[in-house]
């Protein structure tokens, strides 16, 4: 059972529109930073900063494949977030419409 402090910290992470949008994207599939940058139309440092916060808060995990790092949801141990994640709008159209980014 999570503590009030753990729940509060996780919910604070969700109070930012960009982080919430990133979680909505990751609800569909794992993604690398360059893919998220293309969809959010923001900078790589901005997306990386949000992902770092989400990772340190235990909401996303990263997996390295050669030189690329892919991010995915990591909320299985946080059942109190499931209703919020389930209610996030679908980002499938934005993902499908995004041109594959050339990560550098």
N, C-alpha and C. Protein backbone atom coordinates (compact mmCIF):
# COMPACT_ATOMS: atom_id res chain seq x y z
N UNK A 1 0.85 -1.18 0.00
CA UNK A 1 0.00 0.00 0.00
C UNK A 1 0.89 1.24 0.00
N UNK A 2 0.70 2.13 -0.98
CA UNK A 2 1.54 3.33 -1.04
C UNK A 2 1.19 4.30 0.08
N UNK A 3 2.17 5.09 0.43
CA UNK A 3 1.94 6.12 1.44
C UNK A 3 1.25 7.32 0.80
N UNK A 4 0.69 8.18 1.63
CA UNK A 4 0.08 9.42 1.13
C UNK A 4 1.12 10.24 0.38
N UNK A 5 2.35 10.27 0.89
CA UNK A 5 3.40 11.05 0.23
C UNK A 5 3.72 10.50 -1.16
N UNK A 6 3.82 9.16 -1.28
CA UNK A 6 4.08 8.55 -2.59
C UNK A 6 2.95 8.86 -3.57
N UNK A 7 1.72 8.75 -3.10
CA UNK A 7 0.58 9.04 -3.97
C UNK A 7 0.57 10.51 -4.36
N UNK A 8 0.85 11.38 -3.42
CA UNK A 8 0.88 12.81 -3.70
C UNK A 8 1.94 13.15 -4.74
N UNK A 9 3.13 12.57 -4.59
CA UNK A 9 4.21 12.83 -5.55
C UNK A 9 3.83 12.36 -6.95
N UNK A 10 3.23 11.18 -7.05
CA UNK A 10 2.82 10.65 -8.36
C UNK A 10 1.75 11.53 -8.98
N UNK A 11 0.79 11.95 -8.17
CA UNK A 11 -0.30 12.78 -8.70
C UNK A 11 0.19 14.17 -9.10
N UNK A 12 1.21 14.68 -8.41
CA UNK A 12 1.79 15.98 -8.80
C UNK A 12 2.41 15.89 -10.19
N UNK A 13 3.04 14.74 -10.48
CA UNK A 13 3.62 14.56 -11.81
C UNK A 13 2.56 14.64 -12.90
N UNK A 14 1.35 14.21 -12.59
CA UNK A 14 0.26 14.22 -13.57
C UNK A 14 -0.36 15.60 -13.75
N UNK A 15 0.02 16.56 -12.91
CA UNK A 15 -0.60 17.89 -12.99
C UNK A 15 -0.02 18.75 -14.12
N UNK A 16 1.00 18.25 -14.79
CA UNK A 16 1.60 18.99 -15.90
C UNK A 16 1.06 18.46 -17.22
N UNK A 17 0.61 19.38 -18.08
CA UNK A 17 -0.01 18.98 -19.35
C UNK A 17 0.94 18.17 -20.23
N UNK A 18 2.20 18.57 -20.31
CA UNK A 18 3.15 17.84 -21.15
C UNK A 18 3.38 16.43 -20.63
N UNK A 19 3.56 16.29 -19.32
CA UNK A 19 3.78 14.95 -18.76
C UNK A 19 2.55 14.07 -18.93
N UNK A 20 1.37 14.66 -18.76
CA UNK A 20 0.14 13.90 -18.95
C UNK A 20 0.01 13.45 -20.41
N UNK A 21 0.38 14.32 -21.33
CA UNK A 21 0.35 13.98 -22.75
C UNK A 21 1.34 12.87 -23.06
N UNK A 22 2.52 12.93 -22.47
CA UNK A 22 3.52 11.88 -22.67
C UNK A 22 2.98 10.54 -22.17
N UNK A 23 2.34 10.54 -21.02
CA UNK A 23 1.75 9.30 -20.51
C UNK A 23 0.66 8.79 -21.44
N UNK A 24 -0.13 9.70 -22.01
CA UNK A 24 -1.17 9.30 -22.96
C UNK A 24 -0.54 8.66 -24.19
N UNK A 25 0.58 9.18 -24.65
CA UNK A 25 1.28 8.59 -25.79
C UNK A 25 1.81 7.20 -25.43
N UNK A 26 2.43 7.11 -24.27
CA UNK A 26 3.04 5.83 -23.86
C UNK A 26 2.00 4.78 -23.52
N UNK A 27 0.77 5.21 -23.32
CA UNK A 27 -0.32 4.25 -23.09
C UNK A 27 -0.50 3.37 -24.33
N UNK A 28 -0.17 3.91 -25.50
CA UNK A 28 -0.34 3.18 -26.76
C UNK A 28 0.86 2.30 -27.11
N UNK A 29 2.06 2.84 -26.88
CA UNK A 29 3.26 2.08 -27.24
C UNK A 29 4.49 2.74 -26.64
N UNK A 30 5.57 1.98 -26.57
CA UNK A 30 6.82 2.58 -26.11
C UNK A 30 7.36 3.48 -27.21
N UNK A 31 8.06 4.52 -26.78
CA UNK A 31 8.54 5.51 -27.74
C UNK A 31 9.90 6.03 -27.30
N UNK A 32 10.67 6.53 -28.29
CA UNK A 32 11.92 7.20 -27.95
C UNK A 32 11.67 8.71 -27.90
N UNK A 33 12.62 9.42 -27.36
CA UNK A 33 12.47 10.86 -27.16
C UNK A 33 12.16 11.56 -28.48
N UNK A 34 12.86 11.18 -29.54
CA UNK A 34 12.66 11.89 -30.82
C UNK A 34 11.24 11.72 -31.35
N UNK A 35 10.62 10.56 -31.11
CA UNK A 35 9.23 10.37 -31.52
C UNK A 35 8.30 11.30 -30.74
N UNK A 36 8.53 11.42 -29.45
CA UNK A 36 7.69 12.27 -28.60
C UNK A 36 7.89 13.73 -28.97
N UNK A 37 9.13 14.13 -29.24
CA UNK A 37 9.42 15.51 -29.66
C UNK A 37 8.63 15.86 -30.90
N UNK A 38 8.59 14.95 -31.87
CA UNK A 38 7.87 15.21 -33.12
C UNK A 38 6.38 15.40 -32.90
N UNK A 39 5.81 14.63 -32.02
CA UNK A 39 4.36 14.72 -31.77
C UNK A 39 4.01 15.95 -30.94
N UNK A 40 4.81 16.24 -29.91
CA UNK A 40 4.51 17.38 -29.05
C UNK A 40 4.96 18.71 -29.65
N UNK A 41 5.76 18.65 -30.71
CA UNK A 41 6.29 19.86 -31.35
C UNK A 41 6.98 20.76 -30.33
N UNK A 42 7.88 20.16 -29.59
CA UNK A 42 8.66 20.89 -28.60
C UNK A 42 10.11 20.47 -28.75
N UNK A 43 10.95 20.87 -27.84
CA UNK A 43 12.37 20.59 -27.95
C UNK A 43 12.74 19.27 -27.28
N UNK A 44 13.84 18.70 -27.73
CA UNK A 44 14.33 17.46 -27.13
C UNK A 44 14.69 17.66 -25.66
N UNK A 45 15.37 18.76 -25.27
CA UNK A 45 15.66 18.94 -23.85
C UNK A 45 14.40 19.03 -22.99
N UNK A 46 13.35 19.65 -23.52
CA UNK A 46 12.09 19.76 -22.78
C UNK A 46 11.48 18.37 -22.54
N UNK A 47 11.39 17.57 -23.59
CA UNK A 47 10.83 16.22 -23.46
C UNK A 47 11.70 15.38 -22.54
N UNK A 48 13.02 15.47 -22.68
CA UNK A 48 13.92 14.70 -21.83
C UNK A 48 13.75 15.06 -20.36
N UNK A 49 13.56 16.33 -20.07
CA UNK A 49 13.34 16.78 -18.69
C UNK A 49 12.06 16.17 -18.12
N UNK A 50 10.98 16.19 -18.90
CA UNK A 50 9.72 15.60 -18.44
C UNK A 50 9.86 14.09 -18.24
N UNK A 51 10.53 13.42 -19.17
CA UNK A 51 10.74 11.98 -19.03
C UNK A 51 11.60 11.65 -17.81
N UNK A 52 12.60 12.48 -17.54
CA UNK A 52 13.44 12.26 -16.36
C UNK A 52 12.59 12.33 -15.09
N UNK A 53 11.70 13.33 -15.02
CA UNK A 53 10.82 13.46 -13.85
C UNK A 53 9.87 12.27 -13.74
N UNK A 54 9.30 11.85 -14.87
CA UNK A 54 8.40 10.70 -14.84
C UNK A 54 9.13 9.43 -14.44
N UNK A 55 10.37 9.28 -14.91
CA UNK A 55 11.17 8.10 -14.55
C UNK A 55 11.52 8.14 -13.07
N UNK A 56 11.98 9.28 -12.57
CA UNK A 56 12.35 9.35 -11.15
C UNK A 56 11.13 9.17 -10.26
N UNK A 57 9.94 9.51 -10.77
CA UNK A 57 8.71 9.31 -10.02
C UNK A 57 8.16 7.89 -10.16
N UNK A 58 8.85 7.07 -10.94
CA UNK A 58 8.44 5.67 -11.09
C UNK A 58 7.25 5.46 -12.00
N UNK A 59 6.97 6.41 -12.89
CA UNK A 59 5.82 6.28 -13.79
C UNK A 59 6.19 5.76 -15.18
N UNK A 60 7.46 5.90 -15.55
CA UNK A 60 7.94 5.34 -16.82
C UNK A 60 9.24 4.60 -16.57
N UNK A 61 9.51 3.66 -17.46
CA UNK A 61 10.79 2.93 -17.42
C UNK A 61 11.47 3.16 -18.76
N UNK A 62 12.77 2.98 -18.75
CA UNK A 62 13.51 3.12 -20.01
C UNK A 62 14.21 1.81 -20.33
N UNK A 63 14.29 1.54 -21.63
CA UNK A 63 14.97 0.35 -22.13
C UNK A 63 15.93 0.79 -23.21
N UNK A 64 17.19 0.41 -23.07
CA UNK A 64 18.20 0.80 -24.06
C UNK A 64 18.29 -0.27 -25.13
N UNK A 65 18.25 0.19 -26.38
CA UNK A 65 18.48 -0.68 -27.54
C UNK A 65 19.52 0.00 -28.40
N UNK A 66 20.70 -0.56 -28.43
CA UNK A 66 21.89 0.03 -29.04
C UNK A 66 22.03 1.46 -28.52
N UNK A 67 22.02 2.48 -29.39
CA UNK A 67 22.22 3.85 -28.88
C UNK A 67 20.90 4.54 -28.51
N UNK A 68 19.76 3.91 -28.72
CA UNK A 68 18.47 4.54 -28.45
C UNK A 68 17.89 4.09 -27.11
N UNK A 69 17.18 5.00 -26.47
CA UNK A 69 16.48 4.68 -25.22
C UNK A 69 14.99 4.82 -25.50
N UNK A 70 14.25 3.76 -25.19
CA UNK A 70 12.81 3.75 -25.37
C UNK A 70 12.13 3.82 -24.01
N UNK A 71 11.03 4.57 -23.97
CA UNK A 71 10.28 4.77 -22.73
C UNK A 71 8.93 4.08 -22.82
N UNK A 72 8.49 3.53 -21.69
CA UNK A 72 7.18 2.89 -21.62
C UNK A 72 6.59 3.15 -20.24
N UNK A 73 5.29 2.94 -20.12
CA UNK A 73 4.61 3.13 -18.83
C UNK A 73 5.13 2.13 -17.81
N UNK A 74 5.17 2.57 -16.57
CA UNK A 74 5.58 1.70 -15.46
C UNK A 74 4.67 1.99 -14.27
N UNK A 75 3.39 1.68 -14.42
CA UNK A 75 2.41 2.02 -13.37
C UNK A 75 1.69 0.79 -12.82
N UNK A 76 2.19 -0.41 -13.15
CA UNK A 76 1.52 -1.62 -12.69
C UNK A 76 1.43 -1.68 -11.16
N UNK A 77 2.43 -1.12 -10.49
CA UNK A 77 2.46 -1.14 -9.02
C UNK A 77 1.75 0.06 -8.40
N UNK A 78 1.04 0.82 -9.24
CA UNK A 78 0.32 2.01 -8.77
C UNK A 78 -1.15 1.93 -9.22
N UNK A 79 -1.92 1.02 -8.63
CA UNK A 79 -3.31 0.83 -9.08
C UNK A 79 -4.18 2.08 -8.93
N UNK A 80 -3.81 2.98 -8.05
CA UNK A 80 -4.56 4.22 -7.88
C UNK A 80 -4.44 5.13 -9.10
N UNK A 81 -3.46 4.90 -9.97
CA UNK A 81 -3.32 5.70 -11.19
C UNK A 81 -4.05 5.09 -12.38
N UNK A 82 -4.42 3.82 -12.28
CA UNK A 82 -5.07 3.14 -13.41
C UNK A 82 -6.30 3.88 -13.91
N UNK A 83 -7.21 4.35 -13.03
CA UNK A 83 -8.39 5.07 -13.55
C UNK A 83 -8.01 6.35 -14.32
N UNK A 84 -6.96 7.03 -13.86
CA UNK A 84 -6.53 8.25 -14.55
C UNK A 84 -5.95 7.90 -15.91
N UNK A 85 -5.06 6.93 -15.94
CA UNK A 85 -4.44 6.51 -17.21
C UNK A 85 -5.50 6.02 -18.19
N UNK A 86 -6.46 5.26 -17.69
CA UNK A 86 -7.53 4.74 -18.55
C UNK A 86 -8.38 5.85 -19.15
N UNK A 87 -8.50 6.97 -18.46
CA UNK A 87 -9.34 8.07 -18.93
C UNK A 87 -8.60 9.05 -19.85
N UNK A 88 -7.30 8.87 -20.03
CA UNK A 88 -6.56 9.78 -20.91
C UNK A 88 -7.09 9.62 -22.34
N UNK A 89 -7.23 10.73 -23.04
CA UNK A 89 -7.70 10.65 -24.43
C UNK A 89 -6.73 9.84 -25.30
N UNK A 90 -7.27 9.21 -26.30
CA UNK A 90 -6.44 8.44 -27.22
C UNK A 90 -5.52 9.38 -28.01
N UNK A 91 -4.29 8.97 -28.15
CA UNK A 91 -3.31 9.73 -28.94
C UNK A 91 -2.95 8.96 -30.21
N UNK A 92 -3.74 7.94 -30.53
CA UNK A 92 -3.44 7.08 -31.67
C UNK A 92 -3.37 7.86 -32.98
N UNK A 93 -4.29 8.80 -33.19
CA UNK A 93 -4.26 9.59 -34.43
C UNK A 93 -2.98 10.40 -34.54
N UNK A 94 -2.56 11.00 -33.44
CA UNK A 94 -1.32 11.78 -33.45
C UNK A 94 -0.11 10.90 -33.69
N UNK A 95 -0.12 9.71 -33.10
CA UNK A 95 1.00 8.77 -33.30
C UNK A 95 1.03 8.32 -34.76
N UNK A 96 -0.13 7.96 -35.30
CA UNK A 96 -0.20 7.48 -36.69
C UNK A 96 0.16 8.59 -37.68
N UNK A 97 -0.20 9.83 -37.36
CA UNK A 97 0.05 10.95 -38.27
C UNK A 97 1.50 11.44 -38.21
N UNK A 98 2.18 11.12 -37.13
CA UNK A 98 3.56 11.60 -36.96
C UNK A 98 4.49 10.95 -37.96
N UNK A 99 5.32 11.78 -38.53
CA UNK A 99 6.35 11.24 -39.43
C UNK A 99 7.45 10.65 -38.55
N UNK A 100 7.96 9.49 -38.94
CA UNK A 100 9.07 8.92 -38.15
C UNK A 100 10.20 9.93 -38.07
N UNK A 101 10.69 10.13 -36.88
CA UNK A 101 11.77 11.10 -36.66
C UNK A 101 13.11 10.39 -36.79
N UNK A 102 14.05 11.11 -37.33
CA UNK A 102 15.41 10.59 -37.39
C UNK A 102 16.12 11.01 -36.10
N UNK A 103 16.25 10.08 -35.20
CA UNK A 103 16.92 10.38 -33.93
C UNK A 103 18.41 10.56 -34.20
N UNK A 104 18.92 11.58 -33.57
CA UNK A 104 20.37 11.85 -33.74
C UNK A 104 21.06 11.84 -32.42
